[in-house]
Amino acid sequence: MTSLTKNFFINIMQNISEFERTKPTQAYAAIDSAIFKYRQIVNEHTYRGKQLIMESNDAQRVSLAQQIVSDLENIKRVFLTGS
């Protein structure tokens, strides 16, 4: 490996490390905000952990919100752990 190639790879690795040190805070905040938004929808239709009686349209909306919260929490976990 030539010294130019070696320096190139070292520079790339430093850039990756820089990204890892300063993970995008705006993306993290957007994920948290979306989780909060969809949790509110779920919470509007639950009381003490039990789903309130509602029309089928509302039930579908709550079910979708629960799925979205679950997906966003998985995305957040991957974002934080990198795996």
Protein backbone atom coordinates (compact mmCIF):
# COMPACT_ATOMS: atom_id res chain seq x y z
CA MET A 1 0.00 0.00 0.00
CA THR A 2 1.44 3.35 -0.95
CA SER A 3 1.62 6.15 1.57
CA LEU A 4 -0.98 8.12 -0.44
CA THR A 5 -3.44 5.20 -0.27
CA LYS A 6 -2.69 4.67 3.41
CA ASN A 7 -3.31 8.36 4.18
CA PHE A 8 -6.56 8.21 2.20
CA PHE A 9 -7.89 5.30 4.28
CA ILE A 10 -6.79 6.94 7.54
CA ASN A 11 -8.60 10.12 6.52
CA ILE A 12 -11.80 8.18 5.72
CA MET A 13 -11.69 6.42 9.08
CA GLN A 14 -11.23 9.74 10.88
CA ASN A 15 -14.29 11.12 9.10
CA ILE A 16 -16.36 8.10 10.13
CA SER A 17 -15.19 8.49 13.70
CA GLU A 18 -16.10 12.19 13.60
CA PHE A 19 -19.64 11.25 12.52
CA GLU A 20 -19.92 8.73 15.35
CA ARG A 21 -18.84 11.36 17.88
CA THR A 22 -21.38 13.90 16.69
CA LYS A 23 -24.45 11.87 15.77
CA PRO A 24 -27.09 14.07 14.16
CA THR A 25 -29.00 15.70 16.98
CA GLN A 26 -31.73 17.00 14.68
CA ALA A 27 -32.57 13.51 13.46
CA TYR A 28 -32.68 12.24 17.04
CA ALA A 29 -34.97 15.11 18.07
CA ALA A 30 -37.26 14.40 15.10
CA ILE A 31 -37.52 10.73 16.09
CA ASP A 32 -38.34 11.67 19.69
CA SER A 33 -40.90 14.23 18.55
CA ALA A 34 -42.66 11.70 16.30
CA ILE A 35 -42.72 9.11 19.10
CA PHE A 36 -44.30 11.70 21.41
CA LYS A 37 -46.87 12.69 18.77
CA TYR A 38 -48.07 9.14 18.11
CA ARG A 39 -48.00 8.20 21.80
CA GLN A 40 -50.41 11.07 22.44
CA ILE A 41 -52.85 9.57 19.92
CA VAL A 42 -52.65 6.23 21.72
CA ASN A 43 -52.98 7.87 25.15
CA GLU A 44 -56.10 9.80 24.07
CA HIS A 45 -57.91 6.48 23.67
CA THR A 46 -56.59 4.58 26.69
CA TYR A 47 -57.23 4.81 30.39
CA ARG A 48 -55.04 3.03 32.93
CA GLY A 49 -53.57 0.87 30.19
CA LYS A 50 -56.94 -0.21 28.82
CA GLN A 51 -58.30 0.81 25.45
CA LEU A 52 -61.48 2.87 25.64
CA ILE A 53 -64.55 1.85 23.62
CA MET A 54 -64.53 3.73 20.34
CA GLU A 55 -65.72 3.68 16.75
CA SER A 56 -63.91 1.44 14.28
CA ASN A 57 -62.23 4.44 12.58
CA ASP A 58 -60.73 5.51 15.90
CA ALA A 59 -59.67 1.94 16.69
CA GLN A 60 -57.85 1.73 13.35
CA ARG A 61 -56.18 5.08 13.99
CA VAL A 62 -55.01 3.97 17.45
CA SER A 63 -53.78 0.63 16.13
CA LEU A 64 -51.77 2.37 13.42
CA ALA A 65 -50.37 4.86 15.95
CA GLN A 66 -49.26 1.95 18.18
CA GLN A 67 -47.47 0.34 15.24
CA ILE A 68 -45.80 3.63 14.32
CA VAL A 69 -44.60 4.15 17.92
CA SER A 70 -43.16 0.64 17.94
CA ASP A 71 -41.38 1.18 14.62
CA LEU A 72 -40.00 4.56 15.69
CA GLU A 73 -38.73 3.12 18.97
CA ASN A 74 -36.89 0.43 16.98
CA ILE A 75 -35.41 3.09 14.69
CA LYS A 76 -34.33 5.09 17.75
CA ARG A 77 -32.70 2.00 19.28
CA VAL A 78 -30.77 1.32 16.06
CA PHE A 79 -29.83 4.99 15.84
CA LEU A 80 -28.40 4.92 19.36
CA THR A 81 -26.66 1.54 19.20
CA GLY A 82 -25.71 1.42 15.54
CA SER A 83 -26.96 -2.17 15.25
